[in-house]
Amino acid sequence: MRYIGIFVLVLTLALMLPGCAKGPDPDPPNGTPIDAKALIDANCARCHGLDTVYTARDKSSWPAIVADMTKRASRNFSPEEVTAITGYLQENHGK
């Protein structure tokens, strides 16, 4: 009887562990808006001060800057995230 309890416990843990190892989904579910400012604050500040990141630049220069910086980043950005970041910077820090 004791071995059955241990077997059930081990089986339960074995079935739970793969789900725990997966971690959070890196991509938001469809329809969830991307918080571009939060992405910038969390990722760009690792190498740059945010005063540098949020320097006003010509709107047309932001796509090339974001494309270059996201290629160098330690994190892979989805195309949707790159678009959201670029749009946020153009709208809020573009001249």
Protein backbone atom coordinates (compact mmCIF):
# COMPACT_ATOMS: atom_id res chain seq x y z
CA MET A 1 0.00 0.00 0.00
CA ARG A 2 2.88 2.36 0.85
CA TYR A 3 4.46 1.81 -2.55
CA ILE A 4 1.23 2.75 -4.31
CA GLY A 5 1.24 6.15 -2.55
CA ILE A 6 4.86 6.77 -3.52
CA PHE A 7 4.12 5.67 -7.09
CA VAL A 8 1.16 8.09 -7.34
CA LEU A 9 3.29 10.94 -5.95
CA VAL A 10 6.16 10.28 -8.36
CA LEU A 11 3.77 9.93 -11.30
CA THR A 12 2.03 13.20 -10.39
CA LEU A 13 5.33 15.07 -10.14
CA ALA A 14 6.58 13.57 -13.39
CA LEU A 15 3.47 14.76 -15.21
CA MET A 16 3.70 18.28 -13.71
CA LEU A 17 7.40 18.99 -14.37
CA PRO A 18 7.27 19.42 -18.17
CA GLY A 19 4.71 22.19 -17.78
CA CYS A 20 6.85 23.96 -15.21
CA ALA A 21 9.96 23.87 -17.38
CA LYS A 22 8.31 25.60 -20.32
CA GLY A 23 8.18 29.04 -18.70
CA PRO A 24 6.10 31.98 -19.87
CA ASP A 25 5.07 32.39 -23.47
CA PRO A 26 7.36 35.05 -24.97
CA ASP A 27 4.73 36.23 -27.45
CA PRO A 28 1.54 37.88 -26.29
CA PRO A 29 -1.71 36.20 -27.34
CA ASN A 30 -3.35 37.53 -30.48
CA GLY A 31 -5.16 40.77 -29.83
CA THR A 32 -3.07 41.74 -26.80
CA PRO A 33 -1.51 45.14 -27.37
CA ILE A 34 2.27 45.32 -27.14
CA ASP A 35 3.53 47.79 -24.54
CA ALA A 36 6.34 49.33 -26.58
CA LYS A 37 7.42 51.74 -23.84
CA ALA A 38 7.80 48.86 -21.36
CA LEU A 39 9.88 46.93 -23.92
CA ILE A 40 12.11 49.95 -24.47
CA ASP A 41 12.49 50.68 -20.76
CA ALA A 42 13.30 47.05 -19.94
CA ASN A 43 15.65 46.31 -22.83
CA CYS A 44 17.26 49.46 -24.21
CA ALA A 45 18.29 50.76 -20.79
CA ARG A 46 20.65 47.80 -20.44
CA CYS A 47 23.11 49.48 -22.79
CA HIS A 48 21.88 53.07 -23.03
CA GLY A 49 20.54 55.61 -20.62
CA LEU A 50 16.88 56.23 -21.35
CA ASP A 51 17.66 59.91 -21.93
CA THR A 52 19.75 58.73 -24.90
CA VAL A 53 17.05 56.36 -26.13
CA TYR A 54 14.33 58.98 -25.83
CA THR A 55 16.28 61.69 -27.67
CA ALA A 56 14.10 63.29 -30.32
CA ARG A 57 15.17 62.20 -33.78
CA ASP A 58 13.77 62.59 -37.25
CA LYS A 59 10.77 60.26 -37.60
CA SER A 60 12.22 58.71 -40.74
CA SER A 61 15.42 57.69 -38.93
CA TRP A 62 13.72 55.59 -36.23
CA PRO A 63 13.07 52.45 -38.37
CA ALA A 64 16.77 52.04 -39.20
CA ILE A 65 17.86 52.76 -35.62
CA VAL A 66 15.38 50.27 -34.16
CA ALA A 67 16.28 47.61 -36.76
CA ASP A 68 19.97 48.00 -35.97
CA MET A 69 19.53 47.98 -32.20
CA THR A 70 17.13 45.01 -32.12
CA LYS A 71 19.68 42.96 -34.11
CA ARG A 72 22.31 43.71 -31.46
CA ALA A 73 20.04 43.05 -28.48
CA SER A 74 20.50 40.09 -26.19
CA ARG A 75 16.80 39.28 -26.72
CA ASN A 76 15.03 38.31 -29.92
CA PHE A 77 12.22 40.71 -30.76
CA SER A 78 9.25 39.61 -32.82
CA PRO A 79 8.42 41.60 -35.95
CA GLU A 80 5.31 42.90 -34.16
CA GLU A 81 7.44 44.15 -31.25
CA VAL A 82 9.85 45.90 -33.63
CA THR A 83 6.90 47.58 -35.36
CA ALA A 84 5.41 48.63 -32.01
CA ILE A 85 8.73 50.02 -30.74
CA THR A 86 9.35 51.91 -33.98
CA GLY A 87 5.85 53.37 -33.98
CA TYR A 88 6.10 54.42 -30.35
CA LEU A 89 9.43 56.17 -30.90
CA GLN A 90 8.24 57.88 -34.10
CA GLU A 91 5.07 59.10 -32.43
CA ASN A 92 6.53 60.18 -29.10
CA HIS A 93 10.16 61.03 -29.91
CA GLY A 94 10.10 61.95 -33.58
CA LYS A 95 10.53 65.40 -35.05
